[in-house]
C-alpha atoms as a PDB file:
ATOM      1  CA  UNK A   1     -20.198  50.675 -13.235  1.00  0.00           C
ATOM      2  CA  UNK A   2     -22.651  51.797 -10.386  1.00  0.00           C
ATOM      3  CA  UNK A   3     -22.971  51.071  -7.230  1.00  0.00           C
ATOM      4  CA  UNK A   4     -26.108  49.937  -5.725  1.00  0.00           C
ATOM      5  CA  UNK A   5     -28.122  51.916  -3.458  1.00  0.00           C
ATOM      6  CA  UNK A   6     -28.597  50.520   0.229  1.00  0.00           C
ATOM      7  CA  UNK A   7     -32.970  49.799  -0.643  1.00  0.00           C
ATOM      8  CA  UNK A   8     -31.175  47.643  -3.931  1.00  0.00           C
ATOM      9  CA  UNK A   9     -28.259  45.764  -2.097  1.00  0.00           C
ATOM     10  CA  UNK A  10     -29.310  41.900  -1.744  1.00  0.00           C
ATOM     11  CA  UNK A  11     -29.596  40.806   1.284  1.00  0.00           C
ATOM     12  CA  UNK A  12     -27.068  37.331   1.130  1.00  0.00           C
ATOM     13  CA  UNK A  13     -27.721  34.786   3.540  1.00  0.00           C
ATOM     14  CA  UNK A  14     -24.536  32.894   4.345  1.00  0.00           C
ATOM     15  CA  UNK A  15     -24.865  29.063   5.839  1.00  0.00           C
ATOM     16  CA  UNK A  16     -22.607  27.011   8.164  1.00  0.00           C
ATOM     17  CA  UNK A  17     -21.040  24.048   6.349  1.00  0.00           C
ATOM     18  CA  UNK A  18     -23.948  21.479   8.782  1.00  0.00           C
ATOM     19  CA  UNK A  19     -26.016  23.860   7.498  1.00  0.00           C
ATOM     20  CA  UNK A  20     -25.421  23.299   3.714  1.00  0.00           C
ATOM     21  CA  UNK A  21     -24.901  19.636   4.292  1.00  0.00           C
ATOM     22  CA  UNK A  22     -28.455  19.355   5.269  1.00  0.00           C
ATOM     23  CA  UNK A  23     -30.144  21.536   3.279  1.00  0.00           C
ATOM     24  CA  UNK A  24     -32.132  19.038   1.320  1.00  0.00           C
ATOM     25  CA  UNK A  25     -32.988  17.023   4.622  1.00  0.00           C
ATOM     26  CA  UNK A  26     -36.529  17.587   5.516  1.00  0.00           C
ATOM     27  CA  UNK A  27     -37.408  18.904   8.953  1.00  0.00           C
ATOM     28  CA  UNK A  28     -36.985  15.836  11.358  1.00  0.00           C
ATOM     29  CA  UNK A  29     -35.385  13.430   9.119  1.00  0.00           C
ATOM     30  CA  UNK A  30     -32.135  11.850  10.730  1.00  0.00           C
ATOM     31  CA  UNK A  31     -29.362  11.096   8.478  1.00  0.00           C
ATOM     32  CA  UNK A  32     -28.303   7.685   8.576  1.00  0.00           C
ATOM     33  CA  UNK A  33     -24.562   7.511   8.478  1.00  0.00           C
ATOM     34  CA  UNK A  34     -22.545   4.313   7.005  1.00  0.00           C
ATOM     35  CA  UNK A  35     -19.347   2.757   7.965  1.00  0.00           C
ATOM     36  CA  UNK A  36     -16.319   4.100   5.079  1.00  0.00           C
ATOM     37  CA  UNK A  37     -18.798   6.918   3.372  1.00  0.00           C
ATOM     38  CA  UNK A  38     -18.706  10.666   3.496  1.00  0.00           C
ATOM     39  CA  UNK A  39     -20.851  12.842   1.843  1.00  0.00           C
ATOM     40  CA  UNK A  40     -19.081  15.491  -0.822  1.00  0.00           C
ATOM     41  CA  UNK A  41     -19.747  18.647  -0.462  1.00  0.00           C
ATOM     42  CA  UNK A  42     -21.019  18.629  -3.919  1.00  0.00           C
ATOM     43  CA  UNK A  43     -23.424  15.828  -2.730  1.00  0.00           C
ATOM     44  CA  UNK A  44     -22.361  12.694  -4.031  1.00  0.00           C
ATOM     45  CA  UNK A  45     -20.443   9.999  -1.539  1.00  0.00           C
ATOM     46  CA  UNK A  46     -17.395   9.260  -1.298  1.00  0.00           C
ATOM     47  CA  UNK A  47     -16.463   5.230  -0.123  1.00  0.00           C
ATOM     48  CA  UNK A  48     -13.302   3.984   1.645  1.00  0.00           C
ATOM     49  CA  UNK A  49     -11.526   1.445   3.191  1.00  0.00           C
ATOM     50  CA  UNK A  50      -8.382   0.874   5.552  1.00  0.00           C
ATOM     51  CA  UNK A  51      -6.751  -2.584   3.820  1.00  0.00           C
ATOM     52  CA  UNK A  52      -4.585  -4.644   6.087  1.00  0.00           C
ATOM     53  CA  UNK A  53      -2.884  -6.575   3.390  1.00  0.00           C
ATOM     54  CA  UNK A  54      -1.117  -2.914   2.208  1.00  0.00           C
ATOM     55  CA  UNK A  55      -0.666  -2.061   6.072  1.00  0.00           C
ATOM     56  CA  UNK A  56      -3.680   0.249   6.617  1.00  0.00           C
ATOM     57  CA  UNK A  57      -3.359   2.056   3.492  1.00  0.00           C
ATOM     58  CA  UNK A  58      -6.764   3.841   2.618  1.00  0.00           C
ATOM     59  CA  UNK A  59      -8.401   1.794  -0.370  1.00  0.00           C
ATOM     60  CA  UNK A  60     -10.493   4.555  -2.198  1.00  0.00           C
ATOM     61  CA  UNK A  61     -13.295   2.843  -3.689  1.00  0.00           C
ATOM     62  CA  UNK A  62     -14.894   5.505  -5.785  1.00  0.00           C
ATOM     63  CA  UNK A  63     -17.678   8.196  -6.112  1.00  0.00           C
ATOM     64  CA  UNK A  64     -21.754   7.424  -5.662  1.00  0.00           C
ATOM     65  CA  UNK A  65     -24.251   9.119  -5.946  1.00  0.00           C
ATOM     66  CA  UNK A  66     -26.141   8.131  -3.129  1.00  0.00           C
ATOM     67  CA  UNK A  67     -25.255   7.375   0.580  1.00  0.00           C
ATOM     68  CA  UNK A  68     -26.221   3.304   0.283  1.00  0.00           C
ATOM     69  CA  UNK A  69     -24.726   2.938  -3.275  1.00  0.00           C
ATOM     70  CA  UNK A  70     -20.830   3.704  -1.391  1.00  0.00           C
ATOM     71  CA  UNK A  71     -21.762   2.007   1.717  1.00  0.00           C
ATOM     72  CA  UNK A  72     -22.547  -1.151  -0.364  1.00  0.00           C
ATOM     73  CA  UNK A  73     -19.329  -0.755  -2.081  1.00  0.00           C
ATOM     74  CA  UNK A  74     -17.426  -0.538   1.399  1.00  0.00           C
ATOM     75  CA  UNK A  75     -19.771  -3.672   2.954  1.00  0.00           C
ATOM     76  CA  UNK A  76     -18.493  -5.699  -0.348  1.00  0.00           C
ATOM     77  CA  UNK A  77     -14.726  -5.035   0.407  1.00  0.00           C
ATOM     78  CA  UNK A  78     -15.064  -5.194   4.468  1.00  0.00           C
ATOM     79  CA  UNK A  79     -16.371  -8.393   4.062  1.00  0.00           C
ATOM     80  CA  UNK A  80     -14.529  -9.956   1.228  1.00  0.00           C
ATOM     81  CA  UNK A  81     -11.481  -8.792   3.044  1.00  0.00           C
ATOM     82  CA  UNK A  82     -12.339  -9.826   6.547  1.00  0.00           C
ATOM     83  CA  UNK A  83     -15.005 -12.335   6.251  1.00  0.00           C
ATOM     84  CA  UNK A  84     -18.496 -12.544   8.782  1.00  0.00           C
ATOM     85  CA  UNK A  85     -16.394 -10.492  11.636  1.00  0.00           C
ATOM     86  CA  UNK A  86     -16.329  -7.554   9.525  1.00  0.00           C
ATOM     87  CA  UNK A  87     -18.698  -4.277  10.720  1.00  0.00           C
ATOM     88  CA  UNK A  88     -21.313  -4.014   8.126  1.00  0.00           C
ATOM     89  CA  UNK A  89     -23.277  -1.281   7.446  1.00  0.00           C
ATOM     90  CA  UNK A  90     -26.752  -4.101   5.842  1.00  0.00           C
ATOM     91  CA  UNK A  91     -26.699  -7.669   6.689  1.00  0.00           C
ATOM     92  CA  UNK A  92     -24.157 -10.390   5.889  1.00  0.00           C
ATOM     93  CA  UNK A  93     -27.302 -11.721   2.770  1.00  0.00           C
ATOM     94  CA  UNK A  94     -27.223  -8.486   0.972  1.00  0.00           C
ATOM     95  CA  UNK A  95     -23.749  -8.224   0.552  1.00  0.00           C
ATOM     96  CA  UNK A  96     -23.464 -11.701  -0.313  1.00  0.00           C
ATOM     97  CA  UNK A  97     -26.062 -11.654  -2.633  1.00  0.00           C
ATOM     98  CA  UNK A  98     -24.779  -8.170  -3.849  1.00  0.00           C
ATOM     99  CA  UNK A  99     -20.938  -9.740  -4.784  1.00  0.00           C
ATOM    100  CA  UNK A 100     -22.108 -13.005  -6.376  1.00  0.00           C
ATOM    101  CA  UNK A 101     -20.914 -12.920 -10.515  1.00  0.00           C
ATOM    102  CA  UNK A 102     -18.897 -10.512  -9.600  1.00  0.00           C
ATOM    103  CA  UNK A 103     -15.057 -11.397 -10.263  1.00  0.00           C
ATOM    104  CA  UNK A 104     -13.164  -9.106  -8.089  1.00  0.00           C
ATOM    105  CA  UNK A 105      -9.688 -11.076  -7.094  1.00  0.00           C
ATOM    106  CA  UNK A 106      -8.168 -11.528 -10.000  1.00  0.00           C
ATOM    107  CA  UNK A 107      -4.625 -12.347  -9.465  1.00  0.00           C
ATOM    108  CA  UNK A 108      -2.638  -9.054 -11.080  1.00  0.00           C
ATOM    109  CA  UNK A 109      -4.238  -6.733  -8.377  1.00  0.00           C
ATOM    110  CA  UNK A 110      -1.805  -7.064  -5.725  1.00  0.00           C
ATOM    111  CA  UNK A 111      -3.862 -10.169  -3.696  1.00  0.00           C
ATOM    112  CA  UNK A 112      -6.191  -7.201  -2.242  1.00  0.00           C
ATOM    113  CA  UNK A 113      -9.699  -7.541  -2.287  1.00  0.00           C
ATOM    114  CA  UNK A 114     -10.953  -3.471  -1.986  1.00  0.00           C
ATOM    115  CA  UNK A 115      -7.827  -2.788  -4.393  1.00  0.00           C
ATOM    116  CA  UNK A 116     -10.026  -5.580  -6.406  1.00  0.00           C
ATOM    117  CA  UNK A 117     -13.470  -4.144  -5.712  1.00  0.00           C
ATOM    118  CA  UNK A 118     -11.802  -0.561  -6.850  1.00  0.00           C
ATOM    119  CA  UNK A 119     -10.606  -1.566 -10.330  1.00  0.00           C
ATOM    120  CA  UNK A 120     -14.237  -2.831 -10.803  1.00  0.00           C
ATOM    121  CA  UNK A 121     -16.372  -0.349  -9.744  1.00  0.00           C
ATOM    122  CA  UNK A 122     -13.904   1.920 -12.008  1.00  0.00           C
ATOM    123  CA  UNK A 123     -14.899  -0.342 -14.988  1.00  0.00           C
ATOM    124  CA  UNK A 124     -18.141  -0.208 -13.984  1.00  0.00           C
ATOM    125  CA  UNK A 125     -18.105   3.813 -13.721  1.00  0.00           C
ATOM    126  CA  UNK A 126     -16.292   4.003 -17.385  1.00  0.00           C
ATOM    127  CA  UNK A 127     -18.274   1.785 -18.875  1.00  0.00           C
ATOM    128  CA  UNK A 128     -21.777   3.806 -18.153  1.00  0.00           C
ATOM    129  CA  UNK A 129     -20.227   6.723 -19.104  1.00  0.00           C
ATOM    130  CA  UNK A 130     -19.100   5.186 -22.436  1.00  0.00           C
ATOM    131  CA  UNK A 131     -22.363   4.064 -22.516  1.00  0.00           C
ATOM    132  CA  UNK A 132     -24.303   7.837 -22.173  1.00  0.00           C
ATOM    133  CA  UNK A 133     -21.616   9.089 -24.104  1.00  0.00           C
ATOM    134  CA  UNK A 134     -22.497   7.175 -26.957  1.00  0.00           C
ATOM    135  CA  UNK A 135     -26.206   7.484 -27.067  1.00  0.00           C
ATOM    136  CA  UNK A 136     -25.055  11.640 -26.961  1.00  0.00           C
ATOM    137  CA  UNK A 137     -23.213  10.869 -29.775  1.00  0.00           C
ATOM    138  CA  UNK A 138     -26.356   8.634 -31.409  1.00  0.00           C
ATOM    139  CA  UNK A 139     -28.901  11.757 -30.807  1.00  0.00           C
ATOM    140  CA  UNK A 140     -26.688  14.490 -32.517  1.00  0.00           C
ATOM    141  CA  UNK A 141     -27.056  13.462 -35.958  1.00  0.00           C
ATOM    142  CA  UNK A 142     -27.541  16.243 -38.268  1.00  0.00           C
ATOM    143  CA  UNK A 143     -29.230  14.847 -41.678  1.00  0.00           C
ATOM    144  CA  UNK A 144     -28.313  17.247 -44.525  1.00  0.00           C
ATOM    145  CA  UNK A 145     -31.201  17.357 -47.559  1.00  0.00           C
ATOM    146  CA  UNK A 146     -30.501  17.350 -51.046  1.00  0.00           C
ATOM    147  CA  UNK A 147     -32.701  19.857 -52.675  1.00  0.00           C
ATOM    148  CA  UNK A 148     -31.711  20.135 -55.866  1.00  0.00           C
ATOM    149  CA  UNK A 149     -28.986  21.787 -58.527  1.00  0.00           C
ATOM    150  CA  UNK A 150     -31.882  24.730 -59.207  1.00  0.00           C
ATOM    151  CA  UNK A 151     -32.129  26.342 -55.916  1.00  0.00           C
ATOM    152  CA  UNK A 152     -28.326  25.966 -55.355  1.00  0.00           C
ATOM    153  CA  UNK A 153     -28.111  28.073 -58.388  1.00  0.00           C
ATOM    154  CA  UNK A 154     -30.686  30.057 -57.612  1.00  0.00           C
ATOM    155  CA  UNK A 155     -28.755  30.759 -54.801  1.00  0.00           C
ATOM    156  CA  UNK A 156     -25.922  31.654 -56.011  1.00  0.00           C
ATOM    157  CA  UNK A 157     -26.941  33.206 -58.827  1.00  0.00           C
ATOM    158  CA  UNK A 158     -28.462  36.190 -56.743  1.00  0.00           C
ATOM    159  CA  UNK A 159     -24.961  37.023 -55.467  1.00  0.00           C
END
């Protein structure tokens, strides 16, 4: 294995965590911070909330592709737990609209709205990943065509 000369060596740039986290941001653009949302080093956004019905334990609400999705998940849990007195990222009307049609407070989930919403997001994510797997399986279909026995005999006789 040959060593590189100084003229052949690569120039590596080293970034601080802040530079790395803000690399996709445009110059002068402000970062919007949301309550209950953290950005993961790989670019996804995590949402969590403290649950007073479980002695202040953190409830992991899920990992999301955008900060807005994670913030809405936090708002749904916060509004379900604390009502209008909760600190929200979005308006109360937006959160109420997002909660319409969601059956989140089932009796089997320890009575915690945050845990119920976590389970709902988990099921949603799981069902969307199953749908994408089904689509991949459908697209990877191999079709074999019968070329006839004459061609098969010819191929076998050549050996």
